[in-house]
């Protein structure tokens, strides 16, 4: 299941569409992604064979070239954030995401976070929600010390994790990880946009986790401009 942060709001349907995994079509639809090699310079509207018919990509996330670029790690983080702000047009959320985009901070909290995540992710994950949850759980060393024994191949036993002693940041990371993994709703959109509850550094981690949940590890496995 996928976490729903905007249930019972006018944006519930928008969120549902936003969280659909790109590149996957109903069974029998036959969508195929090319196995060619790409680089950032290989892409741009000037290379698009549909340029004469489609001058602008109003919804680039729905295009085949966008999916192929994503798979090859050629989509910059700024482009993913731009798509996110268009699909979740809630003013406080958009403003905070735009500030995040301008900061150009690393996706990981630090190098130790990267190492913990990569070591854990190498053991295998069953779906992108689990990968996103692991990204958040490994961000805080104290939280990870509590969560690591509950992580097994392809699963996370959240019921066995005791988070006594974690600070507010760790609390937010834990419950958002649980939401992304189980499809529950502990953290609301209004809480996400409140800097007194969710610090800038944690907000950056949460947004990265949302992108991982939607797009997979391609978000973090390549350097992005």
N, C-alpha and C. Protein backbone atom coordinates (compact mmCIF):
# COMPACT_ATOMS: atom_id res chain seq x y z
N UNK A 1 0.84 -1.19 0.00
CA UNK A 1 0.00 0.00 0.00
C UNK A 1 0.87 1.25 0.00
N UNK A 2 0.29 2.38 -0.40
CA UNK A 2 1.02 3.63 -0.45
C UNK A 2 0.41 4.62 0.52
N UNK A 3 1.24 5.40 1.19
CA UNK A 3 0.75 6.36 2.17
C UNK A 3 -0.07 7.44 1.49
N UNK A 4 -1.14 7.85 2.11
CA UNK A 4 -1.97 8.94 1.62
C UNK A 4 -1.93 10.08 2.62
N UNK A 5 -1.30 11.19 2.24
CA UNK A 5 -1.18 12.33 3.14
C UNK A 5 -2.30 13.34 2.94
N UNK A 6 -3.04 13.22 1.84
CA UNK A 6 -4.07 14.21 1.54
C UNK A 6 -5.46 13.61 1.45
N UNK A 7 -5.67 12.50 2.18
CA UNK A 7 -7.00 11.91 2.21
C UNK A 7 -8.00 12.92 2.77
N UNK A 8 -9.22 12.90 2.24
CA UNK A 8 -10.30 13.78 2.69
C UNK A 8 -9.99 15.25 2.44
N UNK A 9 -9.18 15.53 1.42
CA UNK A 9 -8.92 16.91 1.00
C UNK A 9 -9.20 17.00 -0.49
N UNK A 10 -9.31 18.22 -1.03
CA UNK A 10 -9.55 18.36 -2.47
C UNK A 10 -8.44 17.78 -3.34
N UNK A 11 -7.27 17.49 -2.72
CA UNK A 11 -6.13 17.03 -3.50
C UNK A 11 -5.92 15.52 -3.40
N UNK A 12 -6.90 14.81 -2.87
CA UNK A 12 -6.75 13.36 -2.70
C UNK A 12 -6.54 12.65 -4.03
N UNK A 13 -7.33 13.04 -5.05
CA UNK A 13 -7.18 12.40 -6.35
C UNK A 13 -5.85 12.75 -7.01
N UNK A 14 -5.42 14.01 -6.81
CA UNK A 14 -4.12 14.42 -7.35
C UNK A 14 -3.01 13.58 -6.73
N UNK A 15 -3.09 13.38 -5.41
CA UNK A 15 -2.06 12.59 -4.74
C UNK A 15 -2.06 11.15 -5.25
N UNK A 16 -3.26 10.60 -5.48
CA UNK A 16 -3.33 9.23 -5.99
C UNK A 16 -2.60 9.12 -7.32
N UNK A 17 -2.84 10.08 -8.21
CA UNK A 17 -2.18 10.05 -9.52
C UNK A 17 -0.68 10.26 -9.36
N UNK A 18 -0.28 11.14 -8.43
CA UNK A 18 1.13 11.44 -8.23
C UNK A 18 1.89 10.21 -7.77
N UNK A 19 1.23 9.34 -6.99
CA UNK A 19 1.91 8.20 -6.40
C UNK A 19 1.86 6.96 -7.28
N UNK A 20 1.25 7.06 -8.45
CA UNK A 20 1.29 5.93 -9.37
C UNK A 20 2.71 5.78 -9.90
N UNK A 21 3.18 4.56 -9.95
CA UNK A 21 4.56 4.33 -10.37
C UNK A 21 4.68 4.54 -11.87
N UNK A 22 5.56 5.46 -12.32
CA UNK A 22 5.69 5.69 -13.75
C UNK A 22 6.37 4.51 -14.43
N UNK A 23 6.02 4.29 -15.70
CA UNK A 23 6.67 3.22 -16.44
C UNK A 23 5.96 1.89 -16.36
N UNK A 24 4.90 1.82 -15.54
CA UNK A 24 4.15 0.57 -15.41
C UNK A 24 2.75 0.79 -15.96
N UNK A 25 2.31 -0.12 -16.79
CA UNK A 25 0.98 -0.04 -17.39
C UNK A 25 0.19 -1.28 -17.00
N UNK A 26 -1.14 -1.26 -17.20
CA UNK A 26 -1.94 -2.44 -16.88
C UNK A 26 -1.43 -3.66 -17.63
N UNK A 27 -1.64 -4.83 -17.04
CA UNK A 27 -1.18 -6.08 -17.64
C UNK A 27 -1.70 -6.21 -19.06
N UNK A 28 -0.79 -6.57 -19.97
CA UNK A 28 -1.17 -6.74 -21.35
C UNK A 28 -1.00 -5.50 -22.20
N UNK A 29 -0.61 -4.36 -21.58
CA UNK A 29 -0.49 -3.13 -22.35
C UNK A 29 0.79 -3.09 -23.16
N UNK A 30 1.81 -3.85 -22.73
CA UNK A 30 3.00 -4.01 -23.56
C UNK A 30 3.96 -2.85 -23.55
N UNK A 31 3.99 -1.96 -22.50
CA UNK A 31 4.94 -0.87 -22.44
C UNK A 31 6.36 -1.42 -22.30
N UNK A 32 7.29 -0.88 -23.07
CA UNK A 32 8.66 -1.38 -23.04
C UNK A 32 9.61 -0.19 -22.97
N UNK A 33 10.64 -0.32 -22.14
CA UNK A 33 11.66 0.72 -22.03
C UNK A 33 12.90 0.26 -22.75
N UNK A 34 13.47 1.12 -23.57
CA UNK A 34 14.65 0.79 -24.35
C UNK A 34 15.85 0.50 -23.47
N UNK A 35 16.77 -0.32 -23.93
CA UNK A 35 17.98 -0.66 -23.19
C UNK A 35 19.20 0.11 -23.70
N UNK A 36 18.97 1.17 -24.45
CA UNK A 36 20.10 1.96 -24.94
C UNK A 36 20.78 2.68 -23.80
N UNK A 37 22.03 3.10 -24.03
CA UNK A 37 22.76 3.86 -23.03
C UNK A 37 22.53 5.35 -23.28
N UNK A 38 22.40 6.10 -22.17
CA UNK A 38 22.10 7.51 -22.28
C UNK A 38 23.07 8.32 -21.44
N UNK A 39 23.15 9.60 -21.75
CA UNK A 39 23.86 10.55 -20.90
C UNK A 39 23.00 11.80 -20.83
N UNK A 40 23.31 12.69 -19.90
CA UNK A 40 22.50 13.90 -19.74
C UNK A 40 22.44 14.68 -21.04
N UNK A 41 23.56 14.76 -21.77
CA UNK A 41 23.61 15.54 -23.01
C UNK A 41 22.80 14.91 -24.13
N UNK A 42 22.40 13.65 -23.96
CA UNK A 42 21.65 12.96 -25.01
C UNK A 42 20.20 13.40 -25.08
N UNK A 43 19.76 14.14 -24.06
CA UNK A 43 18.34 14.44 -23.97
C UNK A 43 18.08 15.92 -24.07
N UNK A 44 16.91 16.24 -24.52
CA UNK A 44 16.47 17.61 -24.68
C UNK A 44 15.42 17.63 -25.77
N UNK A 45 14.61 18.69 -25.79
CA UNK A 45 13.53 18.74 -26.76
C UNK A 45 14.06 18.71 -28.19
N UNK A 46 15.30 19.22 -28.40
CA UNK A 46 15.84 19.23 -29.75
C UNK A 46 16.06 17.83 -30.29
N UNK A 47 16.15 16.83 -29.40
CA UNK A 47 16.36 15.45 -29.82
C UNK A 47 15.05 14.66 -29.93
N UNK A 48 13.95 15.29 -29.55
CA UNK A 48 12.68 14.56 -29.48
C UNK A 48 12.09 14.37 -30.87
N UNK A 49 11.76 13.14 -31.22
CA UNK A 49 11.19 12.86 -32.54
C UNK A 49 9.76 13.37 -32.65
N UNK A 50 9.17 13.71 -31.51
CA UNK A 50 7.80 14.21 -31.52
C UNK A 50 7.74 15.73 -31.43
N UNK A 51 8.87 16.39 -31.58
CA UNK A 51 8.91 17.83 -31.37
C UNK A 51 7.92 18.58 -32.25
N UNK A 52 7.77 18.17 -33.50
CA UNK A 52 6.89 18.89 -34.40
C UNK A 52 5.43 18.77 -34.00
N UNK A 53 5.10 17.67 -33.31
CA UNK A 53 3.72 17.46 -32.90
C UNK A 53 3.48 17.89 -31.46
N UNK A 54 4.50 17.79 -30.63
CA UNK A 54 4.37 18.12 -29.22
C UNK A 54 5.47 19.11 -28.87
N UNK A 55 5.16 20.38 -29.00
CA UNK A 55 6.17 21.41 -28.79
C UNK A 55 6.60 21.49 -27.34
N UNK A 56 5.68 21.26 -26.44
CA UNK A 56 5.99 21.32 -25.02
C UNK A 56 5.42 20.10 -24.32
N UNK A 57 6.15 19.61 -23.32
CA UNK A 57 5.67 18.48 -22.52
C UNK A 57 5.02 19.03 -21.26
N UNK A 58 3.71 19.20 -21.28
CA UNK A 58 3.02 19.74 -20.12
C UNK A 58 3.07 18.78 -18.94
N UNK A 59 3.11 17.47 -19.23
CA UNK A 59 3.18 16.46 -18.17
C UNK A 59 4.36 15.55 -18.49
N UNK A 60 5.59 16.02 -18.28
CA UNK A 60 6.75 15.23 -18.68
C UNK A 60 6.85 13.89 -18.00
N UNK A 61 6.28 13.77 -16.79
CA UNK A 61 6.38 12.50 -16.08
C UNK A 61 5.64 11.39 -16.82
N UNK A 62 4.72 11.75 -17.69
CA UNK A 62 3.98 10.74 -18.42
C UNK A 62 4.61 10.34 -19.74
N UNK A 63 5.71 10.97 -20.10
CA UNK A 63 6.31 10.69 -21.40
C UNK A 63 7.30 9.53 -21.32
N UNK A 64 7.43 8.82 -22.44
CA UNK A 64 8.38 7.70 -22.49
C UNK A 64 9.80 8.18 -22.29
N UNK A 65 10.15 9.34 -22.89
CA UNK A 65 11.53 9.82 -22.76
C UNK A 65 11.85 10.15 -21.31
N UNK A 66 10.86 10.68 -20.57
CA UNK A 66 11.09 10.98 -19.16
C UNK A 66 11.40 9.70 -18.39
N UNK A 67 10.64 8.64 -18.65
CA UNK A 67 10.86 7.38 -17.94
C UNK A 67 12.23 6.79 -18.29
N UNK A 68 12.60 6.88 -19.56
CA UNK A 68 13.90 6.34 -19.96
C UNK A 68 15.04 7.14 -19.34
N UNK A 69 14.89 8.45 -19.32
CA UNK A 69 15.92 9.30 -18.70
C UNK A 69 16.04 8.99 -17.22
N UNK A 70 14.91 8.75 -16.57
CA UNK A 70 14.91 8.44 -15.15
C UNK A 70 15.64 7.14 -14.88
N UNK A 71 15.34 6.12 -15.66
CA UNK A 71 15.99 4.82 -15.49
C UNK A 71 17.50 4.96 -15.63
N UNK A 72 17.95 5.82 -16.55
CA UNK A 72 19.37 5.97 -16.80
C UNK A 72 20.02 7.02 -15.90
N UNK A 73 19.26 7.60 -14.95
CA UNK A 73 19.82 8.57 -14.03
C UNK A 73 20.11 9.91 -14.65
N UNK A 74 19.35 10.28 -15.69
CA UNK A 74 19.60 11.52 -16.42
C UNK A 74 18.59 12.62 -16.10
N UNK A 75 17.74 12.41 -15.13
CA UNK A 75 16.76 13.43 -14.74
C UNK A 75 17.27 14.14 -13.49
N UNK A 76 17.55 15.43 -13.56
CA UNK A 76 18.05 16.14 -12.38
C UNK A 76 16.99 16.23 -11.29
N UNK A 77 17.44 16.32 -10.05
CA UNK A 77 16.51 16.42 -8.92
C UNK A 77 15.58 17.60 -9.09
N UNK A 78 16.09 18.72 -9.60
CA UNK A 78 15.26 19.91 -9.77
C UNK A 78 14.05 19.62 -10.66
N UNK A 79 14.21 18.76 -11.65
CA UNK A 79 13.10 18.42 -12.54
C UNK A 79 12.06 17.57 -11.81
N UNK A 80 12.52 16.64 -10.97
CA UNK A 80 11.59 15.83 -10.19
C UNK A 80 10.81 16.70 -9.21
N UNK A 81 11.49 17.67 -8.59
CA UNK A 81 10.82 18.57 -7.65
C UNK A 81 9.82 19.46 -8.37
N UNK A 82 10.15 19.87 -9.59
CA UNK A 82 9.23 20.69 -10.37
C UNK A 82 7.95 19.92 -10.67
N UNK A 83 8.09 18.66 -11.04
CA UNK A 83 6.92 17.82 -11.27
C UNK A 83 6.09 17.71 -10.00
N UNK A 84 6.77 17.53 -8.87
CA UNK A 84 6.08 17.38 -7.59
C UNK A 84 5.26 18.62 -7.25
N UNK A 85 5.83 19.81 -7.45
CA UNK A 85 5.11 21.04 -7.11
C UNK A 85 3.92 21.27 -8.03
N UNK A 86 4.01 20.81 -9.27
CA UNK A 86 2.86 20.96 -10.17
C UNK A 86 1.74 20.01 -9.80
N UNK A 87 2.10 18.86 -9.27
CA UNK A 87 1.08 17.84 -8.98
C UNK A 87 0.48 18.00 -7.59
N UNK A 88 1.16 18.74 -6.71
CA UNK A 88 0.63 19.01 -5.37
C UNK A 88 0.59 20.52 -5.19
N UNK A 89 -0.39 21.20 -5.78
CA UNK A 89 -0.41 22.66 -5.79
C UNK A 89 -0.93 23.27 -4.50
N UNK A 90 -0.36 22.86 -3.38
CA UNK A 90 -0.72 23.42 -2.07
C UNK A 90 0.34 24.45 -1.72
N UNK A 91 -0.06 25.71 -1.58
CA UNK A 91 0.91 26.81 -1.53
C UNK A 91 2.02 26.63 -0.50
N UNK A 92 1.73 26.33 0.78
CA UNK A 92 2.83 26.17 1.74
C UNK A 92 3.78 25.04 1.37
N UNK A 93 3.23 23.95 0.83
CA UNK A 93 4.06 22.82 0.42
C UNK A 93 4.95 23.21 -0.76
N UNK A 94 4.36 23.86 -1.76
CA UNK A 94 5.13 24.28 -2.93
C UNK A 94 6.25 25.23 -2.53
N UNK A 95 5.93 26.19 -1.65
CA UNK A 95 6.95 27.16 -1.22
C UNK A 95 8.12 26.47 -0.54
N UNK A 96 7.82 25.47 0.27
CA UNK A 96 8.90 24.78 0.98
C UNK A 96 9.72 23.91 0.03
N UNK A 97 9.07 23.27 -0.91
CA UNK A 97 9.80 22.47 -1.90
C UNK A 97 10.69 23.35 -2.76
N UNK A 98 10.20 24.54 -3.14
CA UNK A 98 11.00 25.45 -3.95
C UNK A 98 12.23 25.93 -3.19
N UNK A 99 12.08 26.20 -1.90
CA UNK A 99 13.25 26.57 -1.08
C UNK A 99 14.24 25.42 -1.05
N UNK A 100 13.73 24.22 -0.92
CA UNK A 100 14.59 23.04 -0.91
C UNK A 100 15.35 22.92 -2.23
N UNK A 101 14.67 23.16 -3.33
CA UNK A 101 15.30 23.05 -4.65
C UNK A 101 16.43 24.05 -4.81
N UNK A 102 16.26 25.25 -4.28
CA UNK A 102 17.29 26.28 -4.40
C UNK A 102 18.52 25.99 -3.55
N UNK A 103 18.35 25.24 -2.47
CA UNK A 103 19.47 24.97 -1.56
C UNK A 103 20.50 24.02 -2.15
N UNK A 104 20.08 23.11 -3.00
CA UNK A 104 20.97 22.15 -3.67
C UNK A 104 21.84 21.39 -2.66
N UNK A 105 21.21 20.92 -1.60
CA UNK A 105 21.90 20.13 -0.59
C UNK A 105 22.00 18.67 -1.05
N UNK A 106 22.95 17.91 -0.49
CA UNK A 106 23.04 16.48 -0.82
C UNK A 106 21.76 15.75 -0.44
N UNK A 107 21.46 14.68 -1.15
CA UNK A 107 20.25 13.92 -0.86
C UNK A 107 20.35 13.19 0.47
N UNK A 108 21.55 12.74 0.82
CA UNK A 108 21.76 12.03 2.08
C UNK A 108 22.12 13.01 3.18
N UNK A 109 21.81 12.64 4.42
CA UNK A 109 22.12 13.49 5.56
C UNK A 109 23.63 13.69 5.68
N UNK A 110 24.38 12.63 5.47
CA UNK A 110 25.84 12.69 5.48
C UNK A 110 26.35 11.40 4.84
N UNK A 111 27.67 11.25 4.79
CA UNK A 111 28.24 10.07 4.14
C UNK A 111 27.93 8.80 4.93
N UNK A 112 27.85 8.91 6.26
CA UNK A 112 27.50 7.74 7.07
C UNK A 112 26.09 7.26 6.75
N UNK A 113 25.19 8.21 6.51
CA UNK A 113 23.82 7.85 6.11
C UNK A 113 23.84 7.10 4.78
N UNK A 114 24.58 7.62 3.83
CA UNK A 114 24.68 6.96 2.53
C UNK A 114 25.18 5.52 2.68
N UNK A 115 26.21 5.35 3.51
CA UNK A 115 26.79 4.02 3.68
C UNK A 115 25.80 3.06 4.33
N UNK A 116 25.09 3.53 5.38
CA UNK A 116 24.10 2.67 6.04
C UNK A 116 23.01 2.26 5.07
N UNK A 117 22.53 3.23 4.29
CA UNK A 117 21.45 2.93 3.34
C UNK A 117 21.91 1.95 2.27
N UNK A 118 23.07 2.20 1.69
CA UNK A 118 23.54 1.34 0.60
C UNK A 118 23.81 -0.08 1.09
N UNK A 119 24.37 -0.20 2.30
CA UNK A 119 24.62 -1.54 2.83
C UNK A 119 23.32 -2.29 3.07
N UNK A 120 22.31 -1.58 3.55
CA UNK A 120 21.02 -2.21 3.82
C UNK A 120 20.28 -2.52 2.53
N UNK A 121 20.32 -1.59 1.59
CA UNK A 121 19.59 -1.76 0.33
C UNK A 121 20.18 -2.89 -0.51
N UNK A 122 21.47 -3.16 -0.33
CA UNK A 122 22.11 -4.26 -1.06
C UNK A 122 21.52 -5.62 -0.69
N UNK A 123 20.93 -5.70 0.50
CA UNK A 123 20.33 -6.97 0.94
C UNK A 123 19.01 -7.26 0.24
N UNK A 124 18.50 -6.26 -0.48
CA UNK A 124 17.28 -6.48 -1.25
C UNK A 124 16.05 -5.88 -0.59
N UNK A 125 15.22 -5.24 -1.39
CA UNK A 125 13.94 -4.70 -0.93
C UNK A 125 12.86 -5.20 -1.87
N UNK A 126 11.66 -5.38 -1.32
CA UNK A 126 10.58 -5.99 -2.10
C UNK A 126 9.78 -4.97 -2.91
N UNK A 127 9.79 -3.70 -2.50
CA UNK A 127 9.05 -2.68 -3.24
C UNK A 127 9.61 -1.31 -2.86
N UNK A 128 9.26 -0.30 -3.65
CA UNK A 128 9.87 1.02 -3.46
C UNK A 128 9.49 1.67 -2.14
N UNK A 129 8.31 1.32 -1.59
CA UNK A 129 7.94 1.85 -0.28
C UNK A 129 8.89 1.39 0.81
N UNK A 130 9.36 0.16 0.70
CA UNK A 130 10.34 -0.34 1.66
C UNK A 130 11.68 0.36 1.50
N UNK A 131 12.09 0.59 0.26
CA UNK A 131 13.34 1.30 0.00
C UNK A 131 13.28 2.70 0.57
N UNK A 132 12.16 3.39 0.37
CA UNK A 132 11.98 4.74 0.90
C UNK A 132 12.01 4.73 2.42
N UNK A 133 11.38 3.73 3.03
CA UNK A 133 11.38 3.62 4.49
C UNK A 133 12.79 3.42 5.02
N UNK A 134 13.57 2.58 4.36
CA UNK A 134 14.95 2.35 4.78
C UNK A 134 15.80 3.61 4.63
N UNK A 135 15.52 4.40 3.61
CA UNK A 135 16.23 5.67 3.44
C UNK A 135 16.03 6.55 4.67
N UNK A 136 14.81 6.59 5.19
CA UNK A 136 14.51 7.42 6.35
C UNK A 136 15.05 6.81 7.64
N UNK A 137 14.89 5.53 7.82
CA UNK A 137 15.34 4.88 9.05
C UNK A 137 16.85 4.95 9.21
N UNK A 138 17.58 4.89 8.10
CA UNK A 138 19.05 4.93 8.18
C UNK A 138 19.60 6.34 8.28
N UNK A 139 18.74 7.35 8.19
CA UNK A 139 19.21 8.74 8.24
C UNK A 139 19.68 9.14 9.62
N UNK A 140 19.09 8.57 10.66
CA UNK A 140 19.40 8.91 12.05
C UNK A 140 20.07 7.70 12.70
N UNK A 141 21.32 7.82 13.15
CA UNK A 141 22.02 6.65 13.69
C UNK A 141 21.34 6.05 14.91
N UNK A 142 20.75 6.89 15.79
CA UNK A 142 20.08 6.36 16.97
C UNK A 142 18.80 5.61 16.57
N UNK A 143 18.03 6.22 15.67
CA UNK A 143 16.82 5.56 15.18
C UNK A 143 17.17 4.25 14.49
N UNK A 144 18.23 4.25 13.72
CA UNK A 144 18.63 3.04 13.01
C UNK A 144 19.05 1.94 13.98
N UNK A 145 19.67 2.32 15.10
CA UNK A 145 20.05 1.31 16.09
C UNK A 145 18.82 0.62 16.67
N UNK A 146 17.70 1.34 16.70
CA UNK A 146 16.44 0.75 17.18
C UNK A 146 15.76 -0.08 16.09
N UNK A 147 15.90 0.37 14.83
CA UNK A 147 15.15 -0.26 13.74
C UNK A 147 15.89 -1.41 13.08
N UNK A 148 17.20 -1.41 13.11
CA UNK A 148 17.96 -2.40 12.35
C UNK A 148 17.60 -3.85 12.66
N UNK A 149 17.40 -4.22 13.94
CA UNK A 149 17.03 -5.62 14.22
C UNK A 149 15.69 -6.04 13.61
N UNK A 150 14.85 -5.05 13.27
CA UNK A 150 13.52 -5.36 12.72
C UNK A 150 13.53 -5.49 11.20
N UNK A 151 14.69 -5.25 10.59
CA UNK A 151 14.78 -5.29 9.13
C UNK A 151 15.27 -6.66 8.69
N UNK A 152 14.47 -7.31 7.86
CA UNK A 152 14.83 -8.62 7.31
C UNK A 152 14.76 -8.53 5.79
N UNK A 153 15.15 -9.59 5.12
CA UNK A 153 15.13 -9.60 3.67
C UNK A 153 13.71 -9.39 3.17
N UNK A 154 13.48 -8.26 2.53
CA UNK A 154 12.17 -7.99 1.94
C UNK A 154 11.10 -7.52 2.90
N UNK A 155 11.44 -7.22 4.16
CA UNK A 155 10.40 -6.80 5.10
C UNK A 155 10.97 -5.95 6.23
N UNK A 156 10.09 -5.18 6.86
CA UNK A 156 10.42 -4.40 8.06
C UNK A 156 9.31 -4.64 9.07
N UNK A 157 9.65 -5.15 10.25
CA UNK A 157 8.65 -5.42 11.29
C UNK A 157 8.55 -4.19 12.19
N UNK A 158 7.74 -3.22 11.77
CA UNK A 158 7.62 -1.98 12.53
C UNK A 158 7.06 -2.20 13.92
N UNK A 159 6.24 -3.24 14.10
CA UNK A 159 5.63 -3.49 15.41
C UNK A 159 6.67 -3.83 16.47
N UNK A 160 7.83 -4.28 16.05
CA UNK A 160 8.87 -4.65 17.02
C UNK A 160 9.85 -3.53 17.31
N UNK A 161 9.71 -2.40 16.63
CA UNK A 161 10.64 -1.28 16.82
C UNK A 161 10.16 -0.41 17.98
N UNK A 162 11.01 -0.21 18.96
CA UNK A 162 10.71 0.65 20.11
C UNK A 162 11.53 1.92 19.97
N UNK A 163 10.87 3.06 19.84
CA UNK A 163 11.58 4.30 19.54
C UNK A 163 11.72 5.20 20.76
N UNK A 164 11.60 4.63 21.95
CA UNK A 164 11.78 5.42 23.17
C UNK A 164 13.16 6.07 23.15
N UNK A 165 13.20 7.37 23.39
CA UNK A 165 14.47 8.08 23.43
C UNK A 165 14.81 8.85 22.17
N UNK A 166 14.06 8.64 21.08
CA UNK A 166 14.35 9.40 19.86
C UNK A 166 13.86 10.84 20.02
N UNK A 167 14.51 11.76 19.32
CA UNK A 167 14.08 13.15 19.36
C UNK A 167 12.95 13.38 18.35
N UNK A 168 12.52 14.65 18.23
CA UNK A 168 11.39 14.95 17.34
C UNK A 168 11.70 14.58 15.90
N UNK A 169 12.92 14.86 15.45
CA UNK A 169 13.29 14.51 14.08
C UNK A 169 13.20 12.99 13.86
N UNK A 170 13.70 12.24 14.83
CA UNK A 170 13.64 10.79 14.73
C UNK A 170 12.21 10.28 14.72
N UNK A 171 11.36 10.93 15.51
CA UNK A 171 9.95 10.55 15.56
C UNK A 171 9.29 10.74 14.19
N UNK A 172 9.56 11.90 13.56
CA UNK A 172 8.98 12.18 12.24
C UNK A 172 9.52 11.20 11.20
N UNK A 173 10.82 10.94 11.25
CA UNK A 173 11.42 9.99 10.30
C UNK A 173 10.80 8.60 10.45
N UNK A 174 10.63 8.17 11.70
CA UNK A 174 10.09 6.83 11.93
C UNK A 174 8.67 6.70 11.41
N UNK A 175 7.81 7.65 11.77
CA UNK A 175 6.40 7.51 11.40
C UNK A 175 6.18 7.73 9.90
N UNK A 176 6.98 8.58 9.28
CA UNK A 176 6.86 8.72 7.83
C UNK A 176 7.35 7.46 7.13
N UNK A 177 8.43 6.87 7.63
CA UNK A 177 8.90 5.59 7.08
C UNK A 177 7.81 4.53 7.19
N UNK A 178 7.15 4.50 8.33
CA UNK A 178 6.07 3.53 8.54
C UNK A 178 4.91 3.80 7.58
N UNK A 179 4.58 5.08 7.39
CA UNK A 179 3.51 5.44 6.46
C UNK A 179 3.83 4.97 5.04
N UNK A 180 5.06 5.22 4.60
CA UNK A 180 5.44 4.84 3.24
C UNK A 180 5.46 3.32 3.07
N UNK A 181 5.82 2.61 4.12
CA UNK A 181 5.91 1.15 4.05
C UNK A 181 4.54 0.49 4.14
N UNK A 182 3.69 0.98 5.07
CA UNK A 182 2.43 0.30 5.37
C UNK A 182 1.22 0.96 4.73
N UNK A 183 1.37 2.18 4.20
CA UNK A 183 0.22 2.88 3.64
C UNK A 183 -0.67 3.50 4.69
N UNK A 184 -0.10 3.79 5.86
CA UNK A 184 -0.86 4.44 6.93
C UNK A 184 -0.67 5.95 6.86
N UNK A 185 -1.24 6.67 7.82
CA UNK A 185 -1.17 8.12 7.79
C UNK A 185 -0.95 8.67 9.19
N UNK A 186 0.34 8.84 9.56
CA UNK A 186 0.67 9.45 10.84
C UNK A 186 1.05 10.92 10.67
N UNK A 187 1.65 11.25 9.53
CA UNK A 187 2.12 12.61 9.27
C UNK A 187 1.25 13.23 8.18
N UNK A 188 0.62 14.37 8.48
CA UNK A 188 -0.27 15.01 7.52
C UNK A 188 0.50 16.03 6.68
N UNK A 189 -0.12 16.47 5.59
CA UNK A 189 0.50 17.46 4.74
C UNK A 189 0.71 18.77 5.49
N UNK A 190 -0.23 19.15 6.34
CA UNK A 190 -0.08 20.39 7.11
C UNK A 190 1.09 20.29 8.07
N UNK A 191 1.33 19.12 8.63
CA UNK A 191 2.48 18.93 9.51
C UNK A 191 3.79 18.99 8.72
N UNK A 192 3.78 18.46 7.51
CA UNK A 192 4.98 18.50 6.68
C UNK A 192 5.42 19.93 6.39
N UNK A 193 4.48 20.83 6.27
CA UNK A 193 4.80 22.21 5.91
C UNK A 193 5.04 23.10 7.12
N UNK A 194 4.98 22.54 8.32
CA UNK A 194 5.20 23.30 9.55
C UNK A 194 6.67 23.17 9.97
N UNK A 195 7.48 24.24 9.84
CA UNK A 195 8.90 24.14 10.17
C UNK A 195 9.17 23.91 11.65
N UNK A 196 8.18 24.17 12.51
CA UNK A 196 8.37 23.91 13.94
C UNK A 196 8.25 22.42 14.25
N UNK A 197 7.56 21.69 13.41
CA UNK A 197 7.42 20.24 13.60
C UNK A 197 8.40 19.46 12.75
N UNK A 198 8.62 19.93 11.54
CA UNK A 198 9.51 19.23 10.59
C UNK A 198 10.61 20.19 10.18
N UNK A 199 11.82 19.94 10.65
CA UNK A 199 12.95 20.81 10.34
C UNK A 199 13.29 20.76 8.85
N UNK A 200 14.06 21.73 8.39
CA UNK A 200 14.42 21.77 6.98
C UNK A 200 15.19 20.52 6.55
N UNK A 201 16.11 20.06 7.41
CA UNK A 201 16.91 18.89 7.05
C UNK A 201 16.04 17.64 6.95
N UNK A 202 15.08 17.50 7.87
CA UNK A 202 14.18 16.35 7.83
C UNK A 202 13.23 16.46 6.65
N UNK A 203 12.75 17.67 6.37
CA UNK A 203 11.87 17.86 5.21
C UNK A 203 12.57 17.42 3.93
N UNK A 204 13.84 17.75 3.79
CA UNK A 204 14.61 17.33 2.62
C UNK A 204 14.66 15.81 2.52
N UNK A 205 14.88 15.15 3.65
CA UNK A 205 14.91 13.69 3.66
C UNK A 205 13.55 13.10 3.31
N UNK A 206 12.48 13.70 3.83
CA UNK A 206 11.14 13.20 3.54
C UNK A 206 10.80 13.32 2.06
N UNK A 207 11.12 14.47 1.48
CA UNK A 207 10.84 14.67 0.06
C UNK A 207 11.62 13.67 -0.79
N UNK A 208 12.88 13.45 -0.42
CA UNK A 208 13.68 12.45 -1.14
C UNK A 208 13.04 11.07 -1.03
N UNK A 209 12.54 10.74 0.17
CA UNK A 209 11.88 9.44 0.37
C UNK A 209 10.62 9.33 -0.46
N UNK A 210 9.85 10.42 -0.57
CA UNK A 210 8.65 10.39 -1.42
C UNK A 210 9.03 10.10 -2.87
N UNK A 211 10.12 10.74 -3.32
CA UNK A 211 10.57 10.52 -4.70
C UNK A 211 11.05 9.09 -4.90
N UNK A 212 11.74 8.54 -3.90
CA UNK A 212 12.18 7.14 -3.98
C UNK A 212 10.96 6.22 -4.06
N UNK A 213 9.94 6.51 -3.26
CA UNK A 213 8.74 5.69 -3.23
C UNK A 213 8.06 5.69 -4.60
N UNK A 214 8.13 6.81 -5.28
CA UNK A 214 7.48 6.90 -6.59
C UNK A 214 8.37 6.40 -7.72
N UNK A 215 9.65 6.79 -7.70
CA UNK A 215 10.52 6.52 -8.85
C UNK A 215 11.53 5.41 -8.63
N UNK A 216 11.74 5.00 -7.38
CA UNK A 216 12.74 3.98 -7.10
C UNK A 216 14.10 4.56 -6.80
N UNK A 217 15.11 3.70 -6.70
CA UNK A 217 16.44 4.13 -6.27
C UNK A 217 17.18 4.94 -7.33
N UNK A 218 16.63 5.07 -8.53
CA UNK A 218 17.25 5.93 -9.53
C UNK A 218 17.40 7.35 -9.02
N UNK A 219 16.56 7.73 -8.05
CA UNK A 219 16.62 9.07 -7.47
C UNK A 219 17.96 9.33 -6.79
N UNK A 220 18.52 8.30 -6.15
CA UNK A 220 19.72 8.51 -5.34
C UNK A 220 20.96 7.80 -5.86
N UNK A 221 20.85 7.05 -6.92
CA UNK A 221 22.01 6.28 -7.39
C UNK A 221 22.84 7.02 -8.42
N UNK A 222 22.48 8.24 -8.74
CA UNK A 222 23.29 9.02 -9.69
C UNK A 222 23.44 10.44 -9.17
N UNK A 223 24.56 11.06 -9.47
CA UNK A 223 24.75 12.46 -9.12
C UNK A 223 23.83 13.29 -9.99
N UNK A 224 23.13 14.24 -9.35
CA UNK A 224 22.15 15.03 -10.08
C UNK A 224 22.50 16.50 -9.99
N UNK A 225 22.25 17.20 -11.05
CA UNK A 225 22.53 18.63 -11.10
C UNK A 225 21.37 19.42 -10.54
